[in-house]
Amino acid sequence: MTSKQRAYLKSLAMNIEPIYQIGKGSLTTEIVAGIREALDARELVKVSVLKNCADDPREIAQIVAERTRSEVVQVIGKKIVLYAPFKDPKKKNRIELPKAKKE
């Protein structure tokens, strides 16, 4: 993902609310499965890490990204933004990323 594409996704993420919260139980298989389903439905997902979670949000973001086969767009404070493109190219509401320059 290029910096231009990442910046575009960050601008889109500013307007969405977190749909999952990770608390003192940290990551569970249910939370990861739920985030995967949300990514399949939306492409761009924001997750909130609660204050009572002892784990580092950046580490949580990397683990969730690996388990959901998505990319970390950004981690700001206790907010994580993840992106996974739709598998079906004909699906509606698809996010069109800016094209990467070819060298």
PDB file of N, CA and C in Angstrom:
ATOM      1  N   MET A   1       0.839  -1.170   0.000  1.00  0.00           N
ATOM      2  CA  MET A   1       0.000   0.000   0.000  1.00  0.00           C
ATOM      3  C   MET A   1       0.891   1.242   0.000  1.00  0.00           C
ATOM      4  N   THR A   2       0.580   2.159  -0.888  1.00  0.00           N
ATOM      5  CA  THR A   2       1.385   3.378  -0.980  1.00  0.00           C
ATOM      6  C   THR A   2       0.947   4.386   0.083  1.00  0.00           C
ATOM      7  N   SER A   3       1.775   5.399   0.291  1.00  0.00           N
ATOM      8  CA  SER A   3       1.439   6.419   1.282  1.00  0.00           C
ATOM      9  C   SER A   3       0.206   7.216   0.850  1.00  0.00           C
ATOM     10  N   LYS A   4       0.029   7.378  -0.445  1.00  0.00           N
ATOM     11  CA  LYS A   4      -1.141   8.091  -0.957  1.00  0.00           C
ATOM     12  C   LYS A   4      -2.421   7.286  -0.686  1.00  0.00           C
ATOM     13  N   GLN A   5      -2.352   5.979  -0.893  1.00  0.00           N
ATOM     14  CA  GLN A   5      -3.496   5.121  -0.609  1.00  0.00           C
ATOM     15  C   GLN A   5      -3.800   5.100   0.888  1.00  0.00           C
ATOM     16  N   ARG A   6      -2.749   5.029   1.697  1.00  0.00           N
ATOM     17  CA  ARG A   6      -2.920   5.024   3.156  1.00  0.00           C
ATOM     18  C   ARG A   6      -3.560   6.334   3.620  1.00  0.00           C
ATOM     19  N   ALA A   7      -3.121   7.465   3.058  1.00  0.00           N
ATOM     20  CA  ALA A   7      -3.685   8.767   3.417  1.00  0.00           C
ATOM     21  C   ALA A   7      -5.162   8.843   3.036  1.00  0.00           C
ATOM     22  N   TYR A   8      -5.504   8.281   1.890  1.00  0.00           N
ATOM     23  CA  TYR A   8      -6.902   8.269   1.454  1.00  0.00           C
ATOM     24  C   TYR A   8      -7.762   7.451   2.420  1.00  0.00           C
ATOM     25  N   LEU A   9      -7.268   6.291   2.823  1.00  0.00           N
ATOM     26  CA  LEU A   9      -8.009   5.452   3.764  1.00  0.00           C
ATOM     27  C   LEU A   9      -8.128   6.123   5.133  1.00  0.00           C
ATOM     28  N   LYS A  10      -7.090   6.828   5.546  1.00  0.00           N
ATOM     29  CA  LYS A  10      -7.144   7.561   6.819  1.00  0.00           C
ATOM     30  C   LYS A  10      -8.244   8.621   6.763  1.00  0.00           C
ATOM     31  N   SER A  11      -8.363   9.300   5.625  1.00  0.00           N
ATOM     32  CA  SER A  11      -9.385  10.339   5.498  1.00  0.00           C
ATOM     33  C   SER A  11     -10.788   9.734   5.557  1.00  0.00           C
ATOM     34  N   LEU A  12     -10.962   8.549   4.991  1.00  0.00           N
ATOM     35  CA  LEU A  12     -12.259   7.879   5.069  1.00  0.00           C
ATOM     36  C   LEU A  12     -12.551   7.410   6.489  1.00  0.00           C
ATOM     37  N   ALA A  13     -11.523   6.963   7.191  1.00  0.00           N
ATOM     38  CA  ALA A  13     -11.690   6.412   8.542  1.00  0.00           C
ATOM     39  C   ALA A  13     -12.046   7.490   9.564  1.00  0.00           C
ATOM     40  N   MET A  14     -11.741   8.724   9.267  1.00  0.00           N
ATOM     41  CA  MET A  14     -12.049   9.807  10.210  1.00  0.00           C
ATOM     42  C   MET A  14     -13.542   9.889  10.503  1.00  0.00           C
ATOM     43  N   ASN A  15     -14.367   9.516   9.537  1.00  0.00           N
ATOM     44  CA  ASN A  15     -15.813   9.674   9.654  1.00  0.00           C
ATOM     45  C   ASN A  15     -16.540   8.435  10.173  1.00  0.00           C
ATOM     46  N   ILE A  16     -15.828   7.349  10.444  1.00  0.00           N
ATOM     47  CA  ILE A  16     -16.515   6.146  10.915  1.00  0.00           C
ATOM     48  C   ILE A  16     -16.271   5.950  12.407  1.00  0.00           C
ATOM     49  N   GLU A  17     -17.213   5.299  13.040  1.00  0.00           N
ATOM     50  CA  GLU A  17     -17.134   5.006  14.466  1.00  0.00           C
ATOM     51  C   GLU A  17     -16.539   3.617  14.670  1.00  0.00           C
ATOM     52  N   PRO A  18     -15.865   3.391  15.791  1.00  0.00           N
ATOM     53  CA  PRO A  18     -15.355   2.041  16.085  1.00  0.00           C
ATOM     54  C   PRO A  18     -16.518   1.057  16.221  1.00  0.00           C
ATOM     55  N   ILE A  19     -16.393  -0.110  15.612  1.00  0.00           N
ATOM     56  CA  ILE A  19     -17.468  -1.090  15.699  1.00  0.00           C
ATOM     57  C   ILE A  19     -17.121  -2.228  16.645  1.00  0.00           C
ATOM     58  N   TYR A  20     -15.867  -2.312  17.052  1.00  0.00           N
ATOM     59  CA  TYR A  20     -15.451  -3.326  18.032  1.00  0.00           C
ATOM     60  C   TYR A  20     -14.625  -2.661  19.111  1.00  0.00           C
ATOM     61  N   GLN A  21     -14.728  -3.219  20.328  1.00  0.00           N
ATOM     62  CA  GLN A  21     -13.932  -2.748  21.446  1.00  0.00           C
ATOM     63  C   GLN A  21     -13.175  -3.928  22.034  1.00  0.00           C
ATOM     64  N   ILE A  22     -11.898  -3.732  22.266  1.00  0.00           N
ATOM     65  CA  ILE A  22     -11.066  -4.763  22.870  1.00  0.00           C
ATOM     66  C   ILE A  22     -10.803  -4.333  24.306  1.00  0.00           C
ATOM     67  N   GLY A  23     -11.228  -5.154  25.262  1.00  0.00           N
ATOM     68  CA  GLY A  23     -11.134  -4.805  26.671  1.00  0.00           C
ATOM     69  C   GLY A  23     -10.109  -5.629  27.414  1.00  0.00           C
ATOM     70  N   LYS A  24     -10.363  -5.837  28.712  1.00  0.00           N
ATOM     71  CA  LYS A  24      -9.385  -6.514  29.557  1.00  0.00           C
ATOM     72  C   LYS A  24      -9.164  -7.968  29.171  1.00  0.00           C
ATOM     73  N   GLY A  25     -10.088  -8.569  28.453  1.00  0.00           N
ATOM     74  CA  GLY A  25      -9.909  -9.938  27.975  1.00  0.00           C
ATOM     75  C   GLY A  25      -8.974 -10.005  26.780  1.00  0.00           C
ATOM     76  N   SER A  26      -8.557  -8.865  26.287  1.00  0.00           N
ATOM     77  CA  SER A  26      -7.684  -8.729  25.127  1.00  0.00           C
ATOM     78  C   SER A  26      -8.305  -9.408  23.908  1.00  0.00           C
ATOM     79  N   LEU A  27      -7.491  -9.993  23.052  1.00  0.00           N
ATOM     80  CA  LEU A  27      -7.999 -10.603  21.828  1.00  0.00           C
ATOM     81  C   LEU A  27      -8.548 -11.995  22.097  1.00  0.00           C
ATOM     82  N   THR A  28      -9.746 -12.224  21.615  1.00  0.00           N
ATOM     83  CA  THR A  28     -10.325 -13.561  21.673  1.00  0.00           C
ATOM     84  C   THR A  28     -10.627 -13.995  20.249  1.00  0.00           C
ATOM     85  N   THR A  29     -10.853 -15.267  20.070  1.00  0.00           N
ATOM     86  CA  THR A  29     -11.160 -15.765  18.723  1.00  0.00           C
ATOM     87  C   THR A  29     -12.479 -15.178  18.224  1.00  0.00           C
ATOM     88  N   GLU A  30     -13.409 -14.894  19.144  1.00  0.00           N
ATOM     89  CA  GLU A  30     -14.690 -14.314  18.746  1.00  0.00           C
ATOM     90  C   GLU A  30     -14.515 -12.902  18.215  1.00  0.00           C
ATOM     91  N   ILE A  31     -13.671 -12.116  18.871  1.00  0.00           N
ATOM     92  CA  ILE A  31     -13.427 -10.740  18.412  1.00  0.00           C
ATOM     93  C   ILE A  31     -12.759 -10.753  17.037  1.00  0.00           C
ATOM     94  N   VAL A  32     -11.766 -11.613  16.869  1.00  0.00           N
ATOM     95  CA  VAL A  32     -11.068 -11.703  15.577  1.00  0.00           C
ATOM     96  C   VAL A  32     -12.043 -12.136  14.479  1.00  0.00           C
ATOM     97  N   ALA A  33     -12.896 -13.121  14.786  1.00  0.00           N
ATOM     98  CA  ALA A  33     -13.883 -13.582  13.802  1.00  0.00           C
ATOM     99  C   ALA A  33     -14.866 -12.466  13.466  1.00  0.00           C
ATOM    100  N   GLY A  34     -15.281 -11.703  14.458  1.00  0.00           N
ATOM    101  CA  GLY A  34     -16.197 -10.589  14.225  1.00  0.00           C
ATOM    102  C   GLY A  34     -15.571  -9.500  13.373  1.00  0.00           C
ATOM    103  N   ILE A  35     -14.314  -9.202  13.630  1.00  0.00           N
ATOM    104  CA  ILE A  35     -13.615  -8.190  12.831  1.00  0.00           C
ATOM    105  C   ILE A  35     -13.469  -8.674  11.393  1.00  0.00           C
ATOM    106  N   ARG A  36     -13.189  -9.977  11.217  1.00  0.00           N
ATOM    107  CA  ARG A  36     -13.080 -10.541   9.857  1.00  0.00           C
ATOM    108  C   ARG A  36     -14.402 -10.393   9.104  1.00  0.00           C
ATOM    109  N   GLU A  37     -15.511 -10.685   9.780  1.00  0.00           N
ATOM    110  CA  GLU A  37     -16.828 -10.546   9.154  1.00  0.00           C
ATOM    111  C   GLU A  37     -17.110  -9.080   8.803  1.00  0.00           C
ATOM    112  N   ALA A  38     -16.733  -8.177   9.696  1.00  0.00           N
ATOM    113  CA  ALA A  38     -16.941  -6.750   9.438  1.00  0.00           C
ATOM    114  C   ALA A  38     -16.111  -6.293   8.237  1.00  0.00           C
ATOM    115  N   LEU A  39     -14.883  -6.786   8.133  1.00  0.00           N
ATOM    116  CA  LEU A  39     -14.040  -6.440   6.986  1.00  0.00           C
ATOM    117  C   LEU A  39     -14.624  -6.993   5.689  1.00  0.00           C
ATOM    118  N   ASP A  40     -15.214  -8.178   5.750  1.00  0.00           N
ATOM    119  CA  ASP A  40     -15.847  -8.752   4.565  1.00  0.00           C
ATOM    120  C   ASP A  40     -17.046  -7.925   4.113  1.00  0.00           C
ATOM    121  N   ALA A  41     -17.696  -7.267   5.070  1.00  0.00           N
ATOM    122  CA  ALA A  41     -18.876  -6.477   4.749  1.00  0.00           C
ATOM    123  C   ALA A  41     -18.558  -5.017   4.417  1.00  0.00           C
ATOM    124  N   ARG A  42     -17.444  -4.467   4.982  1.00  0.00           N
ATOM    125  CA  ARG A  42     -17.202  -3.028   4.873  1.00  0.00           C
ATOM    126  C   ARG A  42     -15.873  -2.616   4.255  1.00  0.00           C
ATOM    127  N   GLU A  43     -14.887  -3.444   4.233  1.00  0.00           N
ATOM    128  CA  GLU A  43     -13.526  -3.149   3.765  1.00  0.00           C
ATOM    129  C   GLU A  43     -12.705  -2.336   4.760  1.00  0.00           C
ATOM    130  N   LEU A  44     -13.282  -1.324   5.389  1.00  0.00           N
ATOM    131  CA  LEU A  44     -12.561  -0.441   6.300  1.00  0.00           C
ATOM    132  C   LEU A  44     -13.243  -0.483   7.663  1.00  0.00           C
ATOM    133  N   VAL A  45     -12.471  -0.817   8.703  1.00  0.00           N
ATOM    134  CA  VAL A  45     -13.036  -1.006  10.038  1.00  0.00           C
ATOM    135  C   VAL A  45     -12.180  -0.280  11.063  1.00  0.00           C
ATOM    136  N   LYS A  46     -12.860   0.352  12.017  1.00  0.00           N
ATOM    137  CA  LYS A  46     -12.163   0.999  13.124  1.00  0.00           C
ATOM    138  C   LYS A  46     -12.457   0.207  14.395  1.00  0.00           C
ATOM    139  N   VAL A  47     -11.403  -0.048  15.187  1.00  0.00           N
ATOM    140  CA  VAL A  47     -11.505  -0.810  16.420  1.00  0.00           C
ATOM    141  C   VAL A  47     -10.950   0.048  17.550  1.00  0.00           C
ATOM    142  N   SER A  48     -11.609  -0.006  18.691  1.00  0.00           N
ATOM    143  CA  SER A  48     -11.177   0.750  19.855  1.00  0.00           C
ATOM    144  C   SER A  48     -10.594  -0.195  20.897  1.00  0.00           C
ATOM    145  N   VAL A  49      -9.462   0.181  21.480  1.00  0.00           N
ATOM    146  CA  VAL A  49      -8.859  -0.576  22.571  1.00  0.00           C
ATOM    147  C   VAL A  49      -9.178   0.182  23.858  1.00  0.00           C
ATOM    148  N   LEU A  50      -9.869  -0.474  24.768  1.00  0.00           N
ATOM    149  CA  LEU A  50     -10.289   0.182  25.999  1.00  0.00           C
ATOM    150  C   LEU A  50      -9.120   0.398  26.950  1.00  0.00           C
ATOM    151  N   LYS A  51      -9.298   1.313  27.896  1.00  0.00           N
ATOM    152  CA  LYS A  51      -8.235   1.647  28.851  1.00  0.00           C
ATOM    153  C   LYS A  51      -7.852   0.465  29.738  1.00  0.00           C
ATOM    154  N   ASN A  52      -8.812  -0.440  29.989  1.00  0.00           N
ATOM    155  CA  ASN A  52      -8.516  -1.561  30.878  1.00  0.00           C
ATOM    156  C   ASN A  52      -7.781  -2.715  30.181  1.00  0.00           C
ATOM    157  N   CYS A  53      -7.439  -2.552  28.912  1.00  0.00           N
ATOM    158  CA  CYS A  53      -6.655  -3.555  28.188  1.00  0.00           C
ATOM    159  C   CYS A  53      -5.172  -3.246  28.407  1.00  0.00           C
ATOM    160  N   ALA A  54      -4.440  -4.220  28.926  1.00  0.00           N
ATOM    161  CA  ALA A  54      -3.033  -4.012  29.267  1.00  0.00           C
ATOM    162  C   ALA A  54      -2.104  -4.111  28.052  1.00  0.00           C
ATOM    163  N   ASP A  55      -2.586  -4.670  26.949  1.00  0.00           N
ATOM    164  CA  ASP A  55      -1.733  -4.875  25.777  1.00  0.00           C
ATOM    165  C   ASP A  55      -1.554  -3.590  24.977  1.00  0.00           C
ATOM    166  N   ASP A  56      -0.439  -3.520  24.248  1.00  0.00           N
ATOM    167  CA  ASP A  56      -0.118  -2.370  23.409  1.00  0.00           C
ATOM    168  C   ASP A  56      -1.005  -2.378  22.156  1.00  0.00           C
ATOM    169  N   PRO A  57      -1.689  -1.263  21.840  1.00  0.00           N
ATOM    170  CA  PRO A  57      -2.552  -1.215  20.657  1.00  0.00           C
ATOM    171  C   PRO A  57      -1.825  -1.542  19.347  1.00  0.00           C
ATOM    172  N   ARG A  58      -0.552  -1.172  19.224  1.00  0.00           N
ATOM    173  CA  ARG A  58       0.190  -1.478  17.989  1.00  0.00           C
ATOM    174  C   ARG A  58       0.399  -2.990  17.832  1.00  0.00           C
ATOM    175  N   GLU A  59       0.693  -3.664  18.927  1.00  0.00           N
ATOM    176  CA  GLU A  59       0.850  -5.122  18.882  1.00  0.00           C
ATOM    177  C   GLU A  59      -0.477  -5.798  18.553  1.00  0.00           C
ATOM    178  N   ILE A  60      -1.543  -5.306  19.179  1.00  0.00           N
ATOM    179  CA  ILE A  60      -2.873  -5.861  18.897  1.00  0.00           C
ATOM    180  C   ILE A  60      -3.212  -5.680  17.423  1.00  0.00           C
ATOM    181  N   ALA A  61      -2.914  -4.498  16.875  1.00  0.00           N
ATOM    182  CA  ALA A  61      -3.205  -4.211  15.463  1.00  0.00           C
ATOM    183  C   ALA A  61      -2.474  -5.186  14.554  1.00  0.00           C
ATOM    184  N   GLN A  62      -1.199  -5.463  14.835  1.00  0.00           N
ATOM    185  CA  GLN A  62      -0.431  -6.392  14.000  1.00  0.00           C
ATOM    186  C   GLN A  62      -0.996  -7.800  14.071  1.00  0.00           C
ATOM    187  N   ILE A  63      -1.363  -8.230  15.274  1.00  0.00           N
ATOM    188  CA  ILE A  63      -1.910  -9.580  15.447  1.00  0.00           C
ATOM    189  C   ILE A  63      -3.244  -9.713  14.720  1.00  0.00           C
ATOM    190  N   VAL A  64      -4.121  -8.733  14.881  1.00  0.00           N
ATOM    191  CA  VAL A  64      -5.426  -8.778  14.213  1.00  0.00           C
ATOM    192  C   VAL A  64      -5.247  -8.757  12.695  1.00  0.00           C
ATOM    193  N   ALA A  65      -4.329  -7.935  12.206  1.00  0.00           N
ATOM    194  CA  ALA A  65      -4.084  -7.854  10.761  1.00  0.00           C
ATOM    195  C   ALA A  65      -3.612  -9.202  10.212  1.00  0.00           C
ATOM    196  N   GLU A  66      -2.732  -9.877  10.933  1.00  0.00           N
ATOM    197  CA  GLU A  66      -2.264 -11.193  10.487  1.00  0.00           C
ATOM    198  C   GLU A  66      -3.394 -12.209  10.475  1.00  0.00           C
ATOM    199  N   ARG A  67      -4.191 -12.208  11.529  1.00  0.00           N
ATOM    200  CA  ARG A  67      -5.258 -13.206  11.658  1.00  0.00           C
ATOM    201  C   ARG A  67      -6.425 -12.956  10.719  1.00  0.00           C
ATOM    202  N   THR A  68      -6.648 -11.711  10.325  1.00  0.00           N
ATOM    203  CA  THR A  68      -7.768 -11.389   9.435  1.00  0.00           C
ATOM    204  C   THR A  68      -7.318 -11.165   7.994  1.00  0.00           C
ATOM    205  N   ARG A  69      -6.030 -11.290   7.734  1.00  0.00           N
ATOM    206  CA  ARG A  69      -5.446 -11.044   6.412  1.00  0.00           C
ATOM    207  C   ARG A  69      -5.810  -9.647   5.906  1.00  0.00           C
ATOM    208  N   SER A  70      -5.616  -8.659   6.769  1.00  0.00           N
ATOM    209  CA  SER A  70      -5.896  -7.269   6.418  1.00  0.00           C
ATOM    210  C   SER A  70      -4.630  -6.448   6.616  1.00  0.00           C
ATOM    211  N   GLU A  71      -4.725  -5.153   6.369  1.00  0.00           N
ATOM    212  CA  GLU A  71      -3.590  -4.255   6.550  1.00  0.00           C
ATOM    213  C   GLU A  71      -3.931  -3.206   7.594  1.00  0.00           C
ATOM    214  N   VAL A  72      -2.949  -2.866   8.400  1.00  0.00           N
ATOM    215  CA  VAL A  72      -3.132  -1.796   9.380  1.00  0.00           C
ATOM    216  C   VAL A  72      -2.968  -0.467   8.649  1.00  0.00           C
ATOM    217  N   VAL A  73      -4.005   0.339   8.670  1.00  0.00           N
ATOM    218  CA  VAL A  73      -3.935   1.654   8.041  1.00  0.00           C
ATOM    219  C   VAL A  73      -3.272   2.630   9.000  1.00  0.00           C
ATOM    220  N   GLN A  74      -3.733   2.610  10.262  1.00  0.00           N
ATOM    221  CA  GLN A  74      -3.135   3.484  11.257  1.00  0.00           C
ATOM    222  C   GLN A  74      -3.510   3.028  12.653  1.00  0.00           C
ATOM    223  N   VAL A  75      -2.680   3.422  13.608  1.00  0.00           N
ATOM    224  CA  VAL A  75      -2.969   3.257  15.021  1.00  0.00           C
ATOM    225  C   VAL A  75      -2.710   4.615  15.662  1.00  0.00           C
ATOM    226  N   ILE A  76      -3.764   5.218  16.161  1.00  0.00           N
ATOM    227  CA  ILE A  76      -3.626   6.509  16.844  1.00  0.00           C
ATOM    228  C   ILE A  76      -4.177   6.325  18.243  1.00  0.00           C
ATOM    229  N   GLY A  77      -3.304   6.449  19.220  1.00  0.00           N
ATOM    230  CA  GLY A  77      -3.725   6.256  20.600  1.00  0.00           C
ATOM    231  C   GLY A  77      -4.253   4.855  20.796  1.00  0.00           C
ATOM    232  N   LYS A  78      -5.529   4.745  21.082  1.00  0.00           N
ATOM    233  CA  LYS A  78      -6.147   3.443  21.300  1.00  0.00           C
ATOM    234  C   LYS A  78      -7.152   3.095  20.207  1.00  0.00           C
ATOM    235  N   LYS A  79      -7.014   3.725  19.049  1.00  0.00           N
ATOM    236  CA  LYS A  79      -7.874   3.440  17.901  1.00  0.00           C
ATOM    237  C   LYS A  79      -7.054   2.773  16.799  1.00  0.00           C
ATOM    238  N   ILE A  80      -7.612   1.710  16.241  1.00  0.00           N
ATOM    239  CA  ILE A  80      -6.950   0.946  15.178  1.00  0.00           C
ATOM    240  C   ILE A  80      -7.844   0.989  13.947  1.00  0.00           C
ATOM    241  N   VAL A  81      -7.253   1.239  12.783  1.00  0.00           N
ATOM    242  CA  VAL A  81      -7.993   1.217  11.525  1.00  0.00           C
ATOM    243  C   VAL A  81      -7.394   0.115  10.656  1.00  0.00           C
ATOM    244  N   LEU A  82      -8.278  -0.800  10.189  1.00  0.00           N
ATOM    245  CA  LEU A  82      -7.855  -1.928   9.360  1.00  0.00           C
ATOM    246  C   LEU A  82      -8.546  -1.866   8.008  1.00  0.00           C
ATOM    247  N   TYR A  83      -7.845  -2.355   6.974  1.00  0.00           N
ATOM    248  CA  TYR A  83      -8.392  -2.373   5.618  1.00  0.00           C
ATOM    249  C   TYR A  83      -8.131  -3.726   4.976  1.00  0.00           C
ATOM    250  N   ALA A  84      -9.168  -4.278   4.375  1.00  0.00           N
ATOM    251  CA  ALA A  84      -9.047  -5.500   3.580  1.00  0.00           C
ATOM    252  C   ALA A  84      -9.968  -5.342   2.371  1.00  0.00           C
ATOM    253  N   PRO A  85      -9.419  -5.333   1.154  1.00  0.00           N
ATOM    254  CA  PRO A  85     -10.269  -5.139  -0.029  1.00  0.00           C
ATOM    255  C   PRO A  85     -11.236  -6.304  -0.208  1.00  0.00           C
ATOM    256  N   PHE A  86     -12.406  -5.995  -0.789  1.00  0.00           N
ATOM    257  CA  PHE A  86     -13.378  -7.040  -1.086  1.00  0.00           C
ATOM    258  C   PHE A  86     -12.759  -8.065  -2.027  1.00  0.00           C
ATOM    259  N   LYS A  87     -13.129  -9.324  -1.851  1.00  0.00           N
ATOM    260  CA  LYS A  87     -12.633 -10.378  -2.741  1.00  0.00           C
ATOM    261  C   LYS A  87     -13.359 -10.359  -4.078  1.00  0.00           C
ATOM    262  N   ASP A  88     -14.627  -9.950  -4.057  1.00  0.00           N
ATOM    263  CA  ASP A  88     -15.436  -9.886  -5.269  1.00  0.00           C
ATOM    264  C   ASP A  88     -15.296  -8.496  -5.891  1.00  0.00           C
ATOM    265  N   PRO A  89     -14.678  -8.392  -7.078  1.00  0.00           N
ATOM    266  CA  PRO A  89     -14.468  -7.074  -7.691  1.00  0.00           C
ATOM    267  C   PRO A  89     -15.758  -6.377  -8.120  1.00  0.00           C
ATOM    268  N   LYS A  90     -16.858  -7.109  -8.227  1.00  0.00           N
ATOM    269  CA  LYS A  90     -18.121  -6.523  -8.670  1.00  0.00           C
ATOM    270  C   LYS A  90     -18.999  -6.047  -7.517  1.00  0.00           C
ATOM    271  N   LYS A  91     -18.538  -6.221  -6.287  1.00  0.00           N
ATOM    272  CA  LYS A  91     -19.332  -5.858  -5.122  1.00  0.00           C
ATOM    273  C   LYS A  91     -19.532  -4.346  -5.058  1.00  0.00           C
ATOM    274  N   LYS A  92     -20.741  -3.930  -4.698  1.00  0.00           N
ATOM    275  CA  LYS A  92     -21.056  -2.504  -4.598  1.00  0.00           C
ATOM    276  C   LYS A  92     -20.371  -1.904  -3.370  1.00  0.00           C
ATOM    277  N   ASN A  93     -20.325  -0.587  -3.321  1.00  0.00           N
ATOM    278  CA  ASN A  93     -19.728   0.173  -2.217  1.00  0.00           C
ATOM    279  C   ASN A  93     -18.253  -0.143  -2.023  1.00  0.00           C
ATOM    280  N   ARG A  94     -17.591  -0.481  -3.083  1.00  0.00           N
ATOM    281  CA  ARG A  94     -16.169  -0.801  -3.045  1.00  0.00           C
ATOM    282  C   ARG A  94     -15.353   0.487  -2.913  1.00  0.00           C
ATOM    283  N   ILE A  95     -14.306   0.458  -2.102  1.00  0.00           N
ATOM    284  CA  ILE A  95     -13.427   1.613  -1.946  1.00  0.00           C
ATOM    285  C   ILE A  95     -12.430   1.617  -3.107  1.00  0.00           C
ATOM    286  N   GLU A  96     -12.426   2.693  -3.857  1.00  0.00           N
ATOM    287  CA  GLU A  96     -11.491   2.828  -4.975  1.00  0.00           C
ATOM    288  C   GLU A  96     -10.253   3.567  -4.485  1.00  0.00           C
ATOM    289  N   LEU A  97      -9.149   2.850  -4.355  1.00  0.00           N
ATOM    290  CA  LEU A  97      -7.903   3.455  -3.910  1.00  0.00           C
ATOM    291  C   LEU A  97      -7.248   4.215  -5.051  1.00  0.00           C
ATOM    292  N   PRO A  98      -6.514   5.281  -4.733  1.00  0.00           N
ATOM    293  CA  PRO A  98      -5.732   5.959  -5.777  1.00  0.00           C
ATOM    294  C   PRO A  98      -4.725   4.988  -6.380  1.00  0.00           C
ATOM    295  N   LYS A  99      -4.507   5.111  -7.653  1.00  0.00           N
ATOM    296  CA  LYS A  99      -3.583   4.201  -8.348  1.00  0.00           C
ATOM    297  C   LYS A  99      -2.149   4.448  -7.922  1.00  0.00           C
ATOM    298  N   ALA A 100      -1.392   3.356  -7.794  1.00  0.00           N
ATOM    299  CA  ALA A 100       0.030   3.450  -7.458  1.00  0.00           C
ATOM    300  C   ALA A 100       0.800   3.785  -8.720  1.00  0.00           C
ATOM    301  N   LYS A 101       1.802   4.644  -8.592  1.00  0.00           N
ATOM    302  CA  LYS A 101       2.628   4.991  -9.749  1.00  0.00           C
ATOM    303  C   LYS A 101       3.546   3.825 -10.097  1.00  0.00           C
ATOM    304  N   LYS A 102       3.670   3.579 -11.390  1.00  0.00           N
ATOM    305  CA  LYS A 102       4.576   2.530 -11.856  1.00  0.00           C
ATOM    306  C   LYS A 102       5.887   3.166 -12.291  1.00  0.00           C
ATOM    307  N   GLU A 103       6.979   2.561 -11.856  1.00  0.00           N
ATOM    308  CA  GLU A 103       8.288   3.121 -12.192  1.00  0.00           C
ATOM    309  C   GLU A 103       8.925   2.366 -13.319  1.00  0.00           C
TER     310      GLU A 103
END
